[in-house]
Amino acid sequence: MVSDSVVALVLNMSREIRKVVVESEEATKSEEENNKKAEKVIHALLVSLFGENGKLVISVDGNVAHLDKQSGNVESENEGLKERVRVAFQRI
């Protein structure tokens, strides 16, 4: 009884796969457009959170650190935060 159900499921899948493949080829363009839109939204979000002038602004418990994305230099009044940001950036 179980084997009959499994065979029926496999046969139904093989019929449906052809339809999905045809639809996916047509949907490729819209998927690429959605990916581009998502990248633009993510970029806008990151710019609004961290800035765009080449420095990331990281705030932890009221302490602020500025990280230069190009050189990796960290500026902060709090030495502990400065060291943590520097180490995290090196690991990335």
PDB file of N, CA and C in Angstrom:
ATOM      1  N   MET A   1       0.822  -1.184   0.000  1.00  0.00           N
ATOM      2  CA  MET A   1       0.000   0.000   0.000  1.00  0.00           C
ATOM      3  C   MET A   1       0.870   1.253   0.000  1.00  0.00           C
ATOM      4  N   VAL A   2       1.908   1.253   0.823  1.00  0.00           N
ATOM      5  CA  VAL A   2       2.815   2.392   0.870  1.00  0.00           C
ATOM      6  C   VAL A   2       3.581   2.510  -0.438  1.00  0.00           C
ATOM      7  N   SER A   3       4.001   1.368  -0.971  1.00  0.00           N
ATOM      8  CA  SER A   3       4.761   1.407  -2.218  1.00  0.00           C
ATOM      9  C   SER A   3       3.909   1.955  -3.364  1.00  0.00           C
ATOM     10  N   ASP A   4       2.606   1.649  -3.381  1.00  0.00           N
ATOM     11  CA  ASP A   4       1.722   2.201  -4.404  1.00  0.00           C
ATOM     12  C   ASP A   4       1.658   3.720  -4.296  1.00  0.00           C
ATOM     13  N   SER A   5       1.601   4.224  -3.090  1.00  0.00           N
ATOM     14  CA  SER A   5       1.553   5.676  -2.876  1.00  0.00           C
ATOM     15  C   SER A   5       2.844   6.338  -3.337  1.00  0.00           C
ATOM     16  N   VAL A   6       3.970   5.696  -3.056  1.00  0.00           N
ATOM     17  CA  VAL A   6       5.259   6.249  -3.455  1.00  0.00           C
ATOM     18  C   VAL A   6       5.370   6.274  -4.972  1.00  0.00           C
ATOM     19  N   VAL A   7       4.969   5.194  -5.639  1.00  0.00           N
ATOM     20  CA  VAL A   7       5.021   5.138  -7.100  1.00  0.00           C
ATOM     21  C   VAL A   7       4.108   6.204  -7.699  1.00  0.00           C
ATOM     22  N   ALA A   8       2.921   6.361  -7.155  1.00  0.00           N
ATOM     23  CA  ALA A   8       2.000   7.377  -7.650  1.00  0.00           C
ATOM     24  C   ALA A   8       2.581   8.775  -7.477  1.00  0.00           C
ATOM     25  N   LEU A   9       3.225   9.029  -6.353  1.00  0.00           N
ATOM     26  CA  LEU A   9       3.837  10.328  -6.088  1.00  0.00           C
ATOM     27  C   LEU A   9       4.952  10.613  -7.082  1.00  0.00           C
ATOM     28  N   VAL A  10       5.799   9.612  -7.347  1.00  0.00           N
ATOM     29  CA  VAL A  10       6.902   9.795  -8.279  1.00  0.00           C
ATOM     30  C   VAL A  10       6.382  10.052  -9.684  1.00  0.00           C
ATOM     31  N   LEU A  11       5.367   9.322 -10.102  1.00  0.00           N
ATOM     32  CA  LEU A  11       4.803   9.529 -11.431  1.00  0.00           C
ATOM     33  C   LEU A  11       4.187  10.916 -11.567  1.00  0.00           C
ATOM     34  N   ASN A  12       3.514  11.375 -10.538  1.00  0.00           N
ATOM     35  CA  ASN A  12       2.930  12.715 -10.573  1.00  0.00           C
ATOM     36  C   ASN A  12       4.009  13.790 -10.598  1.00  0.00           C
ATOM     37  N   MET A  13       5.095  13.554  -9.880  1.00  0.00           N
ATOM     38  CA  MET A  13       6.198  14.524  -9.880  1.00  0.00           C
ATOM     39  C   MET A  13       6.814  14.634 -11.257  1.00  0.00           C
ATOM     40  N   SER A  14       7.001  13.517 -11.941  1.00  0.00           N
ATOM     41  CA  SER A  14       7.631  13.561 -13.254  1.00  0.00           C
ATOM     42  C   SER A  14       6.765  14.329 -14.247  1.00  0.00           C
ATOM     43  N   ARG A  15       5.464  14.286 -14.106  1.00  0.00           N
ATOM     44  CA  ARG A  15       4.584  15.060 -14.976  1.00  0.00           C
ATOM     45  C   ARG A  15       4.659  16.542 -14.659  1.00  0.00           C
ATOM     46  N   GLU A  16       4.757  16.864 -13.381  1.00  0.00           N
ATOM     47  CA  GLU A  16       4.759  18.267 -12.967  1.00  0.00           C
ATOM     48  C   GLU A  16       6.103  18.939 -13.190  1.00  0.00           C
ATOM     49  N   ILE A  17       7.187  18.190 -13.193  1.00  0.00           N
ATOM     50  CA  ILE A  17       8.515  18.773 -13.352  1.00  0.00           C
ATOM     51  C   ILE A  17       8.646  19.440 -14.710  1.00  0.00           C
ATOM     52  N   ARG A  18       8.100  18.844 -15.738  1.00  0.00           N
ATOM     53  CA  ARG A  18       8.180  19.440 -17.068  1.00  0.00           C
ATOM     54  C   ARG A  18       7.523  20.808 -17.071  1.00  0.00           C
ATOM     55  N   LYS A  19       6.407  20.938 -16.426  1.00  0.00           N
ATOM     56  CA  LYS A  19       5.703  22.221 -16.361  1.00  0.00           C
ATOM     57  C   LYS A  19       6.528  23.249 -15.596  1.00  0.00           C
ATOM     58  N   VAL A  20       7.147  22.837 -14.526  1.00  0.00           N
ATOM     59  CA  VAL A  20       7.944  23.756 -13.709  1.00  0.00           C
ATOM     60  C   VAL A  20       9.151  24.242 -14.485  1.00  0.00           C
ATOM     61  N   VAL A  21       9.798  23.368 -15.240  1.00  0.00           N
ATOM     62  CA  VAL A  21      10.976  23.748 -16.006  1.00  0.00           C
ATOM     63  C   VAL A  21      10.605  24.788 -17.048  1.00  0.00           C
ATOM     64  N   VAL A  22       9.513  24.615 -17.729  1.00  0.00           N
ATOM     65  CA  VAL A  22       9.077  25.572 -18.743  1.00  0.00           C
ATOM     66  C   VAL A  22       8.766  26.901 -18.091  1.00  0.00           C
ATOM     67  N   GLU A  23       8.098  26.893 -16.957  1.00  0.00           N
ATOM     68  CA  GLU A  23       7.756  28.136 -16.280  1.00  0.00           C
ATOM     69  C   GLU A  23       8.994  28.824 -15.730  1.00  0.00           C
ATOM     70  N   SER A  24       9.975  28.071 -15.263  1.00  0.00           N
ATOM     71  CA  SER A  24      11.169  28.683 -14.684  1.00  0.00           C
ATOM     72  C   SER A  24      11.997  29.393 -15.747  1.00  0.00           C
ATOM     73  N   GLU A  25      12.013  28.881 -16.971  1.00  0.00           N
ATOM     74  CA  GLU A  25      12.742  29.550 -18.041  1.00  0.00           C
ATOM     75  C   GLU A  25      12.116  30.905 -18.350  1.00  0.00           C
ATOM     76  N   GLU A  26      10.801  30.974 -18.304  1.00  0.00           N
ATOM     77  CA  GLU A  26      10.114  32.233 -18.566  1.00  0.00           C
ATOM     78  C   GLU A  26      10.268  33.201 -17.395  1.00  0.00           C
ATOM     79  N   ALA A  27      10.402  32.685 -16.193  1.00  0.00           N
ATOM     80  CA  ALA A  27      10.476  33.520 -14.994  1.00  0.00           C
ATOM     81  C   ALA A  27      11.896  33.988 -14.682  1.00  0.00           C
ATOM     82  N   THR A  28      12.888  33.565 -15.467  1.00  0.00           N
ATOM     83  CA  THR A  28      14.275  33.923 -15.182  1.00  0.00           C
ATOM     84  C   THR A  28      14.483  35.430 -15.257  1.00  0.00           C
ATOM     85  N   LYS A  29      13.897  36.075 -16.242  1.00  0.00           N
ATOM     86  CA  LYS A  29      14.063  37.513 -16.396  1.00  0.00           C
ATOM     87  C   LYS A  29      13.475  38.260 -15.201  1.00  0.00           C
ATOM     88  N   SER A  30      12.284  37.875 -14.781  1.00  0.00           N
ATOM     89  CA  SER A  30      11.684  38.575 -13.655  1.00  0.00           C
ATOM     90  C   SER A  30      12.458  38.298 -12.369  1.00  0.00           C
ATOM     91  N   GLU A  31      13.049  37.110 -12.243  1.00  0.00           N
ATOM     92  CA  GLU A  31      13.855  36.793 -11.064  1.00  0.00           C
ATOM     93  C   GLU A  31      15.112  37.656 -11.032  1.00  0.00           C
ATOM     94  N   GLU A  32      15.736  37.866 -12.192  1.00  0.00           N
ATOM     95  CA  GLU A  32      16.915  38.722 -12.265  1.00  0.00           C
ATOM     96  C   GLU A  32      16.558  40.157 -11.906  1.00  0.00           C
ATOM     97  N   GLU A  33      15.406  40.621 -12.383  1.00  0.00           N
ATOM     98  CA  GLU A  33      14.957  41.974 -12.046  1.00  0.00           C
ATOM     99  C   GLU A  33      14.706  42.099 -10.551  1.00  0.00           C
ATOM    100  N   ASN A  34      14.105  41.085  -9.945  1.00  0.00           N
ATOM    101  CA  ASN A  34      13.863  41.108  -8.503  1.00  0.00           C
ATOM    102  C   ASN A  34      15.174  41.129  -7.728  1.00  0.00           C
ATOM    103  N   ASN A  35      16.173  40.381  -8.204  1.00  0.00           N
ATOM    104  CA  ASN A  35      17.480  40.375  -7.546  1.00  0.00           C
ATOM    105  C   ASN A  35      18.133  41.754  -7.601  1.00  0.00           C
ATOM    106  N   LYS A  36      18.021  42.427  -8.750  1.00  0.00           N
ATOM    107  CA  LYS A  36      18.596  43.761  -8.881  1.00  0.00           C
ATOM    108  C   LYS A  36      17.891  44.747  -7.946  1.00  0.00           C
ATOM    109  N   LYS A  37      16.573  44.646  -7.857  1.00  0.00           N
ATOM    110  CA  LYS A  37      15.825  45.520  -6.957  1.00  0.00           C
ATOM    111  C   LYS A  37      16.209  45.258  -5.510  1.00  0.00           C
ATOM    112  N   ALA A  38      16.376  43.987  -5.155  1.00  0.00           N
ATOM    113  CA  ALA A  38      16.763  43.631  -3.790  1.00  0.00           C
ATOM    114  C   ALA A  38      18.146  44.181  -3.464  1.00  0.00           C
ATOM    115  N   GLU A  39      19.081  44.115  -4.406  1.00  0.00           N
ATOM    116  CA  GLU A  39      20.420  44.653  -4.183  1.00  0.00           C
ATOM    117  C   GLU A  39      20.369  46.156  -3.958  1.00  0.00           C
ATOM    118  N   LYS A  40      19.533  46.862  -4.723  1.00  0.00           N
ATOM    119  CA  LYS A  40      19.400  48.308  -4.556  1.00  0.00           C
ATOM    120  C   LYS A  40      18.833  48.651  -3.184  1.00  0.00           C
ATOM    121  N   VAL A  41      17.846  47.893  -2.741  1.00  0.00           N
ATOM    122  CA  VAL A  41      17.239  48.142  -1.431  1.00  0.00           C
ATOM    123  C   VAL A  41      18.251  47.877  -0.321  1.00  0.00           C
ATOM    124  N   ILE A  42      18.996  46.775  -0.437  1.00  0.00           N
ATOM    125  CA  ILE A  42      20.000  46.448   0.573  1.00  0.00           C
ATOM    126  C   ILE A  42      21.080  47.519   0.607  1.00  0.00           C
ATOM    127  N   HIS A  43      21.514  47.990  -0.552  1.00  0.00           N
ATOM    128  CA  HIS A  43      22.529  49.040  -0.602  1.00  0.00           C
ATOM    129  C   HIS A  43      22.019  50.312   0.071  1.00  0.00           C
ATOM    130  N   ALA A  44      20.783  50.701  -0.217  1.00  0.00           N
ATOM    131  CA  ALA A  44      20.214  51.895   0.404  1.00  0.00           C
ATOM    132  C   ALA A  44      20.121  51.742   1.920  1.00  0.00           C
ATOM    133  N   LEU A  45      19.745  50.553   2.375  1.00  0.00           N
ATOM    134  CA  LEU A  45      19.657  50.301   3.812  1.00  0.00           C
ATOM    135  C   LEU A  45      21.026  50.400   4.474  1.00  0.00           C
ATOM    136  N   LEU A  46      22.040  49.781   3.870  1.00  0.00           N
ATOM    137  CA  LEU A  46      23.380  49.830   4.438  1.00  0.00           C
ATOM    138  C   LEU A  46      23.935  51.252   4.452  1.00  0.00           C
ATOM    139  N   VAL A  47      23.672  52.022   3.395  1.00  0.00           N
ATOM    140  CA  VAL A  47      24.131  53.407   3.361  1.00  0.00           C
ATOM    141  C   VAL A  47      23.448  54.217   4.458  1.00  0.00           C
ATOM    142  N   SER A  48      22.150  53.985   4.666  1.00  0.00           N
ATOM    143  CA  SER A  48      21.446  54.738   5.706  1.00  0.00           C
ATOM    144  C   SER A  48      21.925  54.349   7.101  1.00  0.00           C
ATOM    145  N   LEU A  49      22.343  53.101   7.291  1.00  0.00           N
ATOM    146  CA  LEU A  49      22.800  52.662   8.602  1.00  0.00           C
ATOM    147  C   LEU A  49      24.254  53.033   8.872  1.00  0.00           C
ATOM    148  N   PHE A  50      25.125  52.874   7.878  1.00  0.00           N
ATOM    149  CA  PHE A  50      26.557  52.989   8.115  1.00  0.00           C
ATOM    150  C   PHE A  50      27.238  54.147   7.406  1.00  0.00           C
ATOM    151  N   GLY A  51      26.568  54.829   6.519  1.00  0.00           N
ATOM    152  CA  GLY A  51      27.182  55.943   5.806  1.00  0.00           C
ATOM    153  C   GLY A  51      27.850  55.491   4.522  1.00  0.00           C
ATOM    154  N   GLU A  52      28.165  56.476   3.668  1.00  0.00           N
ATOM    155  CA  GLU A  52      28.700  56.148   2.357  1.00  0.00           C
ATOM    156  C   GLU A  52      30.068  56.779   2.114  1.00  0.00           C
ATOM    157  N   ASN A  53      30.570  57.551   3.029  1.00  0.00           N
ATOM    158  CA  ASN A  53      31.808  58.294   2.804  1.00  0.00           C
ATOM    159  C   ASN A  53      33.060  57.453   3.002  1.00  0.00           C
ATOM    160  N   GLY A  54      32.959  56.168   3.000  1.00  0.00           N
ATOM    161  CA  GLY A  54      34.120  55.296   3.159  1.00  0.00           C
ATOM    162  C   GLY A  54      34.368  54.869   4.584  1.00  0.00           C
ATOM    163  N   LYS A  55      33.600  55.391   5.537  1.00  0.00           N
ATOM    164  CA  LYS A  55      33.769  55.004   6.942  1.00  0.00           C
ATOM    165  C   LYS A  55      32.474  54.422   7.475  1.00  0.00           C
ATOM    166  N   LEU A  56      32.612  53.328   8.172  1.00  0.00           N
ATOM    167  CA  LEU A  56      31.468  52.727   8.839  1.00  0.00           C
ATOM    168  C   LEU A  56      31.398  53.294  10.251  1.00  0.00           C
ATOM    169  N   VAL A  57      30.193  53.620  10.689  1.00  0.00           N
ATOM    170  CA  VAL A  57      29.993  54.126  12.040  1.00  0.00           C
ATOM    171  C   VAL A  57      29.367  53.012  12.854  1.00  0.00           C
ATOM    172  N   ILE A  58      30.082  52.569  13.887  1.00  0.00           N
ATOM    173  CA  ILE A  58      29.615  51.466  14.722  1.00  0.00           C
ATOM    174  C   ILE A  58      29.368  52.020  16.112  1.00  0.00           C
ATOM    175  N   SER A  59      28.149  51.793  16.611  1.00  0.00           N
ATOM    176  CA  SER A  59      27.775  52.303  17.929  1.00  0.00           C
ATOM    177  C   SER A  59      27.389  51.132  18.823  1.00  0.00           C
ATOM    178  N   VAL A  60      28.062  51.023  19.988  1.00  0.00           N
ATOM    179  CA  VAL A  60      27.777  49.971  20.944  1.00  0.00           C
ATOM    180  C   VAL A  60      27.654  50.606  22.322  1.00  0.00           C
ATOM    181  N   ASP A  61      26.482  50.504  22.906  1.00  0.00           N
ATOM    182  CA  ASP A  61      26.237  51.031  24.255  1.00  0.00           C
ATOM    183  C   ASP A  61      26.672  52.484  24.413  1.00  0.00           C
ATOM    184  N   GLY A  62      26.389  53.284  23.419  1.00  0.00           N
ATOM    185  CA  GLY A  62      26.720  54.702  23.493  1.00  0.00           C
ATOM    186  C   GLY A  62      28.142  55.027  23.078  1.00  0.00           C
ATOM    187  N   ASN A  63      28.987  54.053  22.900  1.00  0.00           N
ATOM    188  CA  ASN A  63      30.355  54.264  22.423  1.00  0.00           C
ATOM    189  C   ASN A  63      30.357  54.147  20.904  1.00  0.00           C
ATOM    190  N   VAL A  64      31.085  55.053  20.253  1.00  0.00           N
ATOM    191  CA  VAL A  64      31.083  55.108  18.791  1.00  0.00           C
ATOM    192  C   VAL A  64      32.487  54.835  18.273  1.00  0.00           C
ATOM    193  N   ALA A  65      32.553  54.034  17.219  1.00  0.00           N
ATOM    194  CA  ALA A  65      33.819  53.768  16.533  1.00  0.00           C
ATOM    195  C   ALA A  65      33.615  54.034  15.046  1.00  0.00           C
ATOM    196  N   HIS A  66      34.627  54.621  14.423  1.00  0.00           N
ATOM    197  CA  HIS A  66      34.606  54.882  12.986  1.00  0.00           C
ATOM    198  C   HIS A  66      35.636  53.973  12.333  1.00  0.00           C
ATOM    199  N   LEU A  67      35.188  53.161  11.394  1.00  0.00           N
ATOM    200  CA  LEU A  67      36.057  52.196  10.718  1.00  0.00           C
ATOM    201  C   LEU A  67      36.209  52.602   9.267  1.00  0.00           C
ATOM    202  N   ASP A  68      37.434  52.796   8.840  1.00  0.00           N
ATOM    203  CA  ASP A  68      37.722  53.092   7.439  1.00  0.00           C
ATOM    204  C   ASP A  68      37.737  51.774   6.676  1.00  0.00           C
ATOM    205  N   LYS A  69      36.826  51.648   5.710  1.00  0.00           N
ATOM    206  CA  LYS A  69      36.686  50.382   4.976  1.00  0.00           C
ATOM    207  C   LYS A  69      37.901  50.077   4.117  1.00  0.00           C
ATOM    208  N   GLN A  70      38.587  51.088   3.638  1.00  0.00           N
ATOM    209  CA  GLN A  70      39.715  50.864   2.735  1.00  0.00           C
ATOM    210  C   GLN A  70      40.976  50.439   3.484  1.00  0.00           C
ATOM    211  N   SER A  71      41.312  51.170   4.540  1.00  0.00           N
ATOM    212  CA  SER A  71      42.574  50.908   5.235  1.00  0.00           C
ATOM    213  C   SER A  71      42.407  50.017   6.461  1.00  0.00           C
ATOM    214  N   GLY A  72      41.208  49.955   7.030  1.00  0.00           N
ATOM    215  CA  GLY A  72      40.982  49.164   8.226  1.00  0.00           C
ATOM    216  C   GLY A  72      41.288  49.907   9.513  1.00  0.00           C
ATOM    217  N   ASN A  73      41.598  51.197   9.411  1.00  0.00           N
ATOM    218  CA  ASN A  73      41.880  51.996  10.603  1.00  0.00           C
ATOM    219  C   ASN A  73      40.601  52.237  11.395  1.00  0.00           C
ATOM    220  N   VAL A  74      40.727  52.160  12.729  1.00  0.00           N
ATOM    221  CA  VAL A  74      39.585  52.356  13.615  1.00  0.00           C
ATOM    222  C   VAL A  74      39.868  53.554  14.514  1.00  0.00           C
ATOM    223  N   GLU A  75      38.891  54.444  14.609  1.00  0.00           N
ATOM    224  CA  GLU A  75      38.996  55.600  15.490  1.00  0.00           C
ATOM    225  C   GLU A  75      37.889  55.508  16.530  1.00  0.00           C
ATOM    226  N   SER A  76      38.271  55.540  17.806  1.00  0.00           N
ATOM    227  CA  SER A  76      37.293  55.502  18.882  1.00  0.00           C
ATOM    228  C   SER A  76      37.949  55.975  20.166  1.00  0.00           C
ATOM    229  N   GLU A  77      37.160  56.604  21.043  1.00  0.00           N
ATOM    230  CA  GLU A  77      37.664  57.015  22.345  1.00  0.00           C
ATOM    231  C   GLU A  77      37.761  55.823  23.288  1.00  0.00           C
ATOM    232  N   ASN A  78      36.923  54.824  23.081  1.00  0.00           N
ATOM    233  CA  ASN A  78      36.905  53.624  23.910  1.00  0.00           C
ATOM    234  C   ASN A  78      37.886  52.605  23.323  1.00  0.00           C
ATOM    235  N   GLU A  79      38.958  52.335  24.055  1.00  0.00           N
ATOM    236  CA  GLU A  79      40.001  51.426  23.550  1.00  0.00           C
ATOM    237  C   GLU A  79      39.495  49.987  23.390  1.00  0.00           C
ATOM    238  N   GLY A  80      38.608  49.549  24.271  1.00  0.00           N
ATOM    239  CA  GLY A  80      38.067  48.194  24.170  1.00  0.00           C
ATOM    240  C   GLY A  80      37.250  48.010  22.905  1.00  0.00           C
ATOM    241  N   LEU A  81      36.395  48.973  22.623  1.00  0.00           N
ATOM    242  CA  LEU A  81      35.583  48.918  21.394  1.00  0.00           C
ATOM    243  C   LEU A  81      36.476  49.011  20.169  1.00  0.00           C
ATOM    244  N   LYS A  82      37.468  49.880  20.244  1.00  0.00           N
ATOM    245  CA  LYS A  82      38.392  50.044  19.120  1.00  0.00           C
ATOM    246  C   LYS A  82      39.072  48.721  18.780  1.00  0.00           C
ATOM    247  N   GLU A  83      39.538  48.019  19.799  1.00  0.00           N
ATOM    248  CA  GLU A  83      40.227  46.743  19.580  1.00  0.00           C
ATOM    249  C   GLU A  83      39.275  45.673  19.046  1.00  0.00           C
ATOM    250  N   ARG A  84      38.055  45.626  19.591  1.00  0.00           N
ATOM    251  CA  ARG A  84      37.081  44.627  19.123  1.00  0.00           C
ATOM    252  C   ARG A  84      36.713  44.848  17.663  1.00  0.00           C
ATOM    253  N   VAL A  85      36.514  46.100  17.272  1.00  0.00           N
ATOM    254  CA  VAL A  85      36.168  46.403  15.884  1.00  0.00           C
ATOM    255  C   VAL A  85      37.331  46.063  14.970  1.00  0.00           C
ATOM    256  N   ARG A  86      38.558  46.403  15.394  1.00  0.00           N
ATOM    257  CA  ARG A  86      39.727  46.110  14.570  1.00  0.00           C
ATOM    258  C   ARG A  86      39.894  44.610  14.341  1.00  0.00           C
ATOM    259  N   VAL A  87      39.732  43.822  15.402  1.00  0.00           N
ATOM    260  CA  VAL A  87      39.871  42.366  15.294  1.00  0.00           C
ATOM    261  C   VAL A  87      38.756  41.782  14.429  1.00  0.00           C
ATOM    262  N   ALA A  88      37.533  42.256  14.637  1.00  0.00           N
ATOM    263  CA  ALA A  88      36.405  41.747  13.828  1.00  0.00           C
ATOM    264  C   ALA A  88      36.617  42.059  12.352  1.00  0.00           C
ATOM    265  N   PHE A  89      37.109  43.255  12.056  1.00  0.00           N
ATOM    266  CA  PHE A  89      37.341  43.629  10.655  1.00  0.00           C
ATOM    267  C   PHE A  89      38.441  42.776  10.038  1.00  0.00           C
ATOM    268  N   GLN A  90      39.487  42.478  10.786  1.00  0.00           N
ATOM    269  CA  GLN A  90      40.558  41.620  10.267  1.00  0.00           C
ATOM    270  C   GLN A  90      40.063  40.211   9.971  1.00  0.00           C
ATOM    271  N   ARG A  91      39.146  39.716  10.803  1.00  0.00           N
ATOM    272  CA  ARG A  91      38.613  38.364  10.595  1.00  0.00           C
ATOM    273  C   ARG A  91      37.702  38.289   9.381  1.00  0.00           C
ATOM    274  N   ILE A  92      37.077  39.385   9.056  1.00  0.00           N
ATOM    275  CA  ILE A  92      36.187  39.402   7.888  1.00  0.00           C
ATOM    276  C   ILE A  92      37.035  39.388   6.649  1.00  0.00           C
TER     277      ILE A  92
END
